[in-house]
Structure formats: C-alpha cells, structure tokens
PDB file of N, CA and C in Angstrom:
ATOM      1  N   UNK A   1     194.809  52.198  -9.391  1.00  0.00           N
ATOM      2  CA  UNK A   1     195.156  52.720  -8.089  1.00  0.00           C
ATOM      3  C   UNK A   1     194.160  52.158  -7.085  1.00  0.00           C
ATOM      4  N   UNK A   2     194.683  51.660  -5.980  1.00  0.00           N
ATOM      5  CA  UNK A   2     193.863  51.148  -4.889  1.00  0.00           C
ATOM      6  C   UNK A   2     194.133  51.988  -3.645  1.00  0.00           C
ATOM      7  N   UNK A   3     193.075  52.554  -3.093  1.00  0.00           N
ATOM      8  CA  UNK A   3     193.181  53.333  -1.863  1.00  0.00           C
ATOM      9  C   UNK A   3     192.160  52.811  -0.865  1.00  0.00           C
ATOM     10  N   UNK A   4     192.615  52.518   0.337  1.00  0.00           N
ATOM     11  CA  UNK A   4     191.734  52.243   1.455  1.00  0.00           C
ATOM     12  C   UNK A   4     191.803  53.439   2.383  1.00  0.00           C
ATOM     13  N   UNK A   5     190.656  53.901   2.820  1.00  0.00           N
ATOM     14  CA  UNK A   5     190.596  55.071   3.683  1.00  0.00           C
ATOM     15  C   UNK A   5     189.679  54.794   4.856  1.00  0.00           C
ATOM     16  N   UNK A   6     190.205  54.956   6.059  1.00  0.00           N
ATOM     17  CA  UNK A   6     189.392  54.787   7.253  1.00  0.00           C
ATOM     18  C   UNK A   6     188.466  55.973   7.462  1.00  0.00           C
ATOM     19  N   UNK A   7     187.223  55.680   7.804  1.00  0.00           N
ATOM     20  CA  UNK A   7     186.253  56.761   7.997  1.00  0.00           C
ATOM     21  C   UNK A   7     186.461  57.509   9.306  1.00  0.00           C
ATOM     22  N   UNK A   8     187.232  56.943  10.228  1.00  0.00           N
ATOM     23  CA  UNK A   8     187.504  57.606  11.508  1.00  0.00           C
ATOM     24  C   UNK A   8     188.900  58.212  11.557  1.00  0.00           C
ATOM     25  N   UNK A   9     189.521  58.380  10.417  1.00  0.00           N
ATOM     26  CA  UNK A   9     190.854  58.961  10.322  1.00  0.00           C
ATOM     27  C   UNK A   9     190.773  60.455  10.616  1.00  0.00           C
ATOM     28  N   UNK A  10     191.517  60.921  11.613  1.00  0.00           N
ATOM     29  CA  UNK A  10     191.433  62.341  11.998  1.00  0.00           C
ATOM     30  C   UNK A  10     191.992  63.273  10.927  1.00  0.00           C
ATOM     31  N   UNK A  11     192.728  62.735   9.964  1.00  0.00           N
ATOM     32  CA  UNK A  11     193.297  63.549   8.884  1.00  0.00           C
ATOM     33  C   UNK A  11     192.390  63.604   7.648  1.00  0.00           C
ATOM     34  N   UNK A  12     191.307  62.852   7.662  1.00  0.00           N
ATOM     35  CA  UNK A  12     190.472  62.673   6.468  1.00  0.00           C
ATOM     36  C   UNK A  12     189.916  63.990   5.924  1.00  0.00           C
ATOM     37  N   UNK A  13     189.240  64.753   6.734  1.00  0.00           N
ATOM     38  CA  UNK A  13     188.493  65.915   6.245  1.00  0.00           C
ATOM     39  C   UNK A  13     189.357  67.095   5.828  1.00  0.00           C
ATOM     40  N   UNK A  14     190.480  67.316   6.518  1.00  0.00           N
ATOM     41  CA  UNK A  14     191.255  68.526   6.250  1.00  0.00           C
ATOM     42  C   UNK A  14     192.568  68.302   5.515  1.00  0.00           C
ATOM     43  N   UNK A  15     193.078  67.054   5.505  1.00  0.00           N
ATOM     44  CA  UNK A  15     194.387  66.844   4.897  1.00  0.00           C
ATOM     45  C   UNK A  15     194.386  65.805   3.772  1.00  0.00           C
ATOM     46  N   UNK A  16     193.699  64.716   3.949  1.00  0.00           N
ATOM     47  CA  UNK A  16     193.789  63.628   2.968  1.00  0.00           C
ATOM     48  C   UNK A  16     192.921  63.857   1.735  1.00  0.00           C
ATOM     49  N   UNK A  17     191.704  64.273   1.939  1.00  0.00           N
ATOM     50  CA  UNK A  17     190.792  64.664   0.864  1.00  0.00           C
ATOM     51  C   UNK A  17     190.724  63.655  -0.299  1.00  0.00           C
ATOM     52  N   UNK A  18     190.391  62.415  -0.025  1.00  0.00           N
ATOM     53  CA  UNK A  18     190.368  61.412  -1.095  1.00  0.00           C
ATOM     54  C   UNK A  18     189.349  61.712  -2.190  1.00  0.00           C
ATOM     55  N   UNK A  19     188.305  62.456  -1.881  1.00  0.00           N
ATOM     56  CA  UNK A  19     187.324  62.794  -2.907  1.00  0.00           C
ATOM     57  C   UNK A  19     187.917  63.718  -3.973  1.00  0.00           C
ATOM     58  N   UNK A  20     188.852  64.569  -3.578  1.00  0.00           N
ATOM     59  CA  UNK A  20     189.542  65.424  -4.550  1.00  0.00           C
ATOM     60  C   UNK A  20     190.384  64.553  -5.481  1.00  0.00           C
ATOM     61  N   UNK A  21     191.095  63.599  -4.908  1.00  0.00           N
ATOM     62  CA  UNK A  21     191.900  62.675  -5.715  1.00  0.00           C
ATOM     63  C   UNK A  21     190.998  61.873  -6.649  1.00  0.00           C
ATOM     64  N   UNK A  22     189.868  61.418  -6.125  1.00  0.00           N
ATOM     65  CA  UNK A  22     188.916  60.647  -6.936  1.00  0.00           C
ATOM     66  C   UNK A  22     188.444  61.471  -8.133  1.00  0.00           C
ATOM     67  N   UNK A  23     188.128  62.727  -7.905  1.00  0.00           N
ATOM     68  CA  UNK A  23     187.661  63.578  -9.006  1.00  0.00           C
ATOM     69  C   UNK A  23     188.738  63.773 -10.062  1.00  0.00           C
ATOM     70  N   UNK A  24     189.965  63.958  -9.629  1.00  0.00           N
ATOM     71  CA  UNK A  24     191.073  64.117 -10.578  1.00  0.00           C
ATOM     72  C   UNK A  24     191.244  62.842 -11.400  1.00  0.00           C
ATOM     73  N   UNK A  25     191.165  61.700 -10.759  1.00  0.00           N
ATOM     74  CA  UNK A  25     191.263  60.429 -11.492  1.00  0.00           C
ATOM     75  C   UNK A  25     190.146  60.320 -12.524  1.00  0.00           C
ATOM     76  N   UNK A  26     188.944  60.699 -12.126  1.00  0.00           N
ATOM     77  CA  UNK A  26     187.815  60.683 -13.056  1.00  0.00           C
ATOM     78  C   UNK A  26     188.074  61.612 -14.236  1.00  0.00           C
ATOM     79  N   UNK A  27     188.587  62.797 -13.950  1.00  0.00           N
ATOM     80  CA  UNK A  27     188.843  63.786 -15.002  1.00  0.00           C
ATOM     81  C   UNK A  27     189.828  63.293 -16.048  1.00  0.00           C
ATOM     82  N   UNK A  28     190.792  62.475 -15.644  1.00  0.00           N
ATOM     83  CA  UNK A  28     191.829  62.016 -16.578  1.00  0.00           C
ATOM     84  C   UNK A  28     191.671  60.539 -16.943  1.00  0.00           C
ATOM     85  N   UNK A  29     190.513  59.970 -16.604  1.00  0.00           N
ATOM     86  CA  UNK A  29     190.213  58.572 -16.911  1.00  0.00           C
ATOM     87  C   UNK A  29     191.210  57.588 -16.314  1.00  0.00           C
ATOM     88  N   UNK A  30     191.645  57.874 -15.101  1.00  0.00           N
ATOM     89  CA  UNK A  30     192.551  56.977 -14.366  1.00  0.00           C
ATOM     90  C   UNK A  30     191.700  56.052 -13.492  1.00  0.00           C
ATOM     91  N   UNK A  31     191.798  54.740 -13.714  1.00  0.00           N
ATOM     92  CA  UNK A  31     191.044  53.818 -12.860  1.00  0.00           C
ATOM     93  C   UNK A  31     191.456  53.965 -11.391  1.00  0.00           C
ATOM     94  N   UNK A  32     190.463  53.961 -10.521  1.00  0.00           N
ATOM     95  CA  UNK A  32     190.688  54.123  -9.091  1.00  0.00           C
ATOM     96  C   UNK A  32     189.702  53.246  -8.342  1.00  0.00           C
ATOM     97  N   UNK A  33     190.208  52.516  -7.375  1.00  0.00           N
ATOM     98  CA  UNK A  33     189.371  51.766  -6.451  1.00  0.00           C
ATOM     99  C   UNK A  33     189.580  52.403  -5.084  1.00  0.00           C
ATOM    100  N   UNK A  34     188.656  53.282  -4.702  1.00  0.00           N
ATOM    101  CA  UNK A  34     188.707  53.996  -3.429  1.00  0.00           C
ATOM    102  C   UNK A  34     187.716  53.330  -2.492  1.00  0.00           C
ATOM    103  N   UNK A  35     188.246  52.682  -1.461  1.00  0.00           N
ATOM    104  CA  UNK A  35     187.406  51.934  -0.531  1.00  0.00           C
ATOM    105  C   UNK A  35     187.434  52.600   0.841  1.00  0.00           C
ATOM    106  N   UNK A  36     186.260  52.962   1.335  1.00  0.00           N
ATOM    107  CA  UNK A  36     186.153  53.521   2.678  1.00  0.00           C
ATOM    108  C   UNK A  36     185.929  52.388   3.665  1.00  0.00           C
ATOM    109  N   UNK A  37     186.738  52.383   4.727  1.00  0.00           N
ATOM    110  CA  UNK A  37     186.658  51.336   5.737  1.00  0.00           C
ATOM    111  C   UNK A  37     186.068  51.933   7.013  1.00  0.00           C
ATOM    112  N   UNK A  38     184.847  51.531   7.300  1.00  0.00           N
ATOM    113  CA  UNK A  38     184.079  52.069   8.428  1.00  0.00           C
ATOM    114  C   UNK A  38     184.792  51.834   9.760  1.00  0.00           C
ATOM    115  N   UNK A  39     184.949  52.926  10.524  1.00  0.00           N
ATOM    116  CA  UNK A  39     185.475  52.840  11.874  1.00  0.00           C
ATOM    117  C   UNK A  39     186.985  52.789  12.007  1.00  0.00           C
ATOM    118  N   UNK A  40     187.705  52.703  10.905  1.00  0.00           N
ATOM    119  CA  UNK A  40     189.169  52.646  10.979  1.00  0.00           C
ATOM    120  C   UNK A  40     189.750  54.053  11.002  1.00  0.00           C
ATOM    121  N   UNK A  41     190.898  54.183  11.688  1.00  0.00           N
ATOM    122  CA  UNK A  41     191.596  55.461  11.725  1.00  0.00           C
ATOM    123  C   UNK A  41     192.900  55.350  10.932  1.00  0.00           C
ATOM    124  N   UNK A  42     193.953  56.005  11.371  1.00  0.00           N
ATOM    125  CA  UNK A  42     195.227  56.071  10.640  1.00  0.00           C
ATOM    126  C   UNK A  42     196.283  55.221  11.350  1.00  0.00           C
ATOM    127  N   UNK A  43     195.865  54.125  11.947  1.00  0.00           N
ATOM    128  CA  UNK A  43     196.741  53.355  12.829  1.00  0.00           C
ATOM    129  C   UNK A  43     197.362  52.127  12.165  1.00  0.00           C
ATOM    130  N   UNK A  44     198.257  51.508  12.908  1.00  0.00           N
ATOM    131  CA  UNK A  44     198.872  50.249  12.491  1.00  0.00           C
ATOM    132  C   UNK A  44     197.801  49.204  12.193  1.00  0.00           C
ATOM    133  N   UNK A  45     196.757  49.145  12.999  1.00  0.00           N
ATOM    134  CA  UNK A  45     195.714  48.132  12.825  1.00  0.00           C
ATOM    135  C   UNK A  45     194.975  48.306  11.508  1.00  0.00           C
ATOM    136  N   UNK A  46     194.820  49.538  11.094  1.00  0.00           N
ATOM    137  CA  UNK A  46     194.210  49.803   9.787  1.00  0.00           C
ATOM    138  C   UNK A  46     195.088  49.225   8.680  1.00  0.00           C
ATOM    139  N   UNK A  47     196.364  49.534   8.730  1.00  0.00           N
ATOM    140  CA  UNK A  47     197.287  49.039   7.715  1.00  0.00           C
ATOM    141  C   UNK A  47     197.349  47.520   7.741  1.00  0.00           C
ATOM    142  N   UNK A  48     197.465  46.952   8.925  1.00  0.00           N
ATOM    143  CA  UNK A  48     197.550  45.500   9.053  1.00  0.00           C
ATOM    144  C   UNK A  48     196.299  44.801   8.527  1.00  0.00           C
ATOM    145  N   UNK A  49     195.170  45.458   8.618  1.00  0.00           N
ATOM    146  CA  UNK A  49     193.913  44.851   8.179  1.00  0.00           C
ATOM    147  C   UNK A  49     193.784  44.747   6.667  1.00  0.00           C
ATOM    148  N   UNK A  50     194.419  45.648   5.932  1.00  0.00           N
ATOM    149  CA  UNK A  50     194.195  45.717   4.491  1.00  0.00           C
ATOM    150  C   UNK A  50     195.465  45.550   3.655  1.00  0.00           C
ATOM    151  N   UNK A  51     196.601  45.326   4.281  1.00  0.00           N
ATOM    152  CA  UNK A  51     197.861  45.252   3.539  1.00  0.00           C
ATOM    153  C   UNK A  51     197.883  44.100   2.539  1.00  0.00           C
ATOM    154  N   UNK A  52     197.265  42.991   2.892  1.00  0.00           N
ATOM    155  CA  UNK A  52     197.273  41.849   1.966  1.00  0.00           C
ATOM    156  C   UNK A  52     196.603  42.205   0.642  1.00  0.00           C
ATOM    157  N   UNK A  53     195.489  42.925   0.695  1.00  0.00           N
ATOM    158  CA  UNK A  53     194.830  43.361  -0.545  1.00  0.00           C
ATOM    159  C   UNK A  53     195.760  44.222  -1.392  1.00  0.00           C
ATOM    160  N   UNK A  54     196.541  45.075  -0.744  1.00  0.00           N
ATOM    161  CA  UNK A  54     197.430  45.972  -1.482  1.00  0.00           C
ATOM    162  C   UNK A  54     198.622  45.225  -2.070  1.00  0.00           C
ATOM    163  N   UNK A  55     199.127  44.258  -1.352  1.00  0.00           N
ATOM    164  CA  UNK A  55     200.215  43.444  -1.900  1.00  0.00           C
ATOM    165  C   UNK A  55     199.725  42.681  -3.120  1.00  0.00           C
ATOM    166  N   UNK A  56     198.536  42.112  -3.033  1.00  0.00           N
ATOM    167  CA  UNK A  56     197.962  41.400  -4.190  1.00  0.00           C
ATOM    168  C   UNK A  56     197.725  42.356  -5.367  1.00  0.00           C
ATOM    169  N   UNK A  57     197.259  43.549  -5.074  1.00  0.00           N
ATOM    170  CA  UNK A  57     197.014  44.545  -6.119  1.00  0.00           C
ATOM    171  C   UNK A  57     198.315  44.871  -6.863  1.00  0.00           C
ATOM    172  N   UNK A  58     199.382  45.117  -6.120  1.00  0.00           N
ATOM    173  CA  UNK A  58     200.656  45.463  -6.748  1.00  0.00           C
ATOM    174  C   UNK A  58     201.272  44.265  -7.465  1.00  0.00           C
ATOM    175  N   UNK A  59     201.146  43.097  -6.886  1.00  0.00           N
ATOM    176  CA  UNK A  59     201.665  41.892  -7.536  1.00  0.00           C
ATOM    177  C   UNK A  59     200.973  41.663  -8.869  1.00  0.00           C
ATOM    178  N   UNK A  60     199.693  41.891  -8.897  1.00  0.00           N
ATOM    179  CA  UNK A  60     198.941  41.743 -10.138  1.00  0.00           C
ATOM    180  C   UNK A  60     199.438  42.718 -11.205  1.00  0.00           C
ATOM    181  N   UNK A  61     199.735  43.931 -10.807  1.00  0.00           N
ATOM    182  CA  UNK A  61     200.235  44.935 -11.753  1.00  0.00           C
ATOM    183  C   UNK A  61     201.604  44.540 -12.308  1.00  0.00           C
ATOM    184  N   UNK A  62     202.437  43.957 -11.468  1.00  0.00           N
ATOM    185  CA  UNK A  62     203.753  43.524 -11.925  1.00  0.00           C
ATOM    186  C   UNK A  62     203.666  42.359 -12.895  1.00  0.00           C
ATOM    187  N   UNK A  63     202.678  41.499 -12.730  1.00  0.00           N
ATOM    188  CA  UNK A  63     202.495  40.370 -13.637  1.00  0.00           C
ATOM    189  C   UNK A  63     202.120  40.822 -15.023  1.00  0.00           C
ATOM    190  N   UNK A  64     201.388  41.938 -15.090  1.00  0.00           N
ATOM    191  CA  UNK A  64     200.940  42.445 -16.379  1.00  0.00           C
ATOM    192  C   UNK A  64     202.031  43.270 -17.002  1.00  0.00           C
TER     193      UNK A  64
END
C-alpha cells in the first residue's frame, strides 16, 4: 500500500488519521509506504504532484 499525505491537509487530524491506518497495517503485517508531503493540502496540485509514483506502484503490482 502506498499513501501520500499532505501535512497541510485540513482533513488530516480529525478525519484521515493515517497513523491509525499505519498501526493497523503494522498489527496485521501489511506492508505500507506512508509518505508525508510537507506543505501539501488536499488539492489537485497535491494529486498531480504524486500521481506518477502511484501509477508506477500499481503497475508494478499488476506485473507481479
């Protein structure tokens, strides 16, 4: 699982809670790459900045 999370996302602290997801992944031995992106929010620019990494991540999974 690959997650990019903007540190300036207004939904981060009360709704998204990626640390809770991270702990659950740890508990069940699910690999997780949780990357915090400094200064990014929940906008189009955030998605546009990191979408290529996610496409490559999914393409790699399909190859396997």
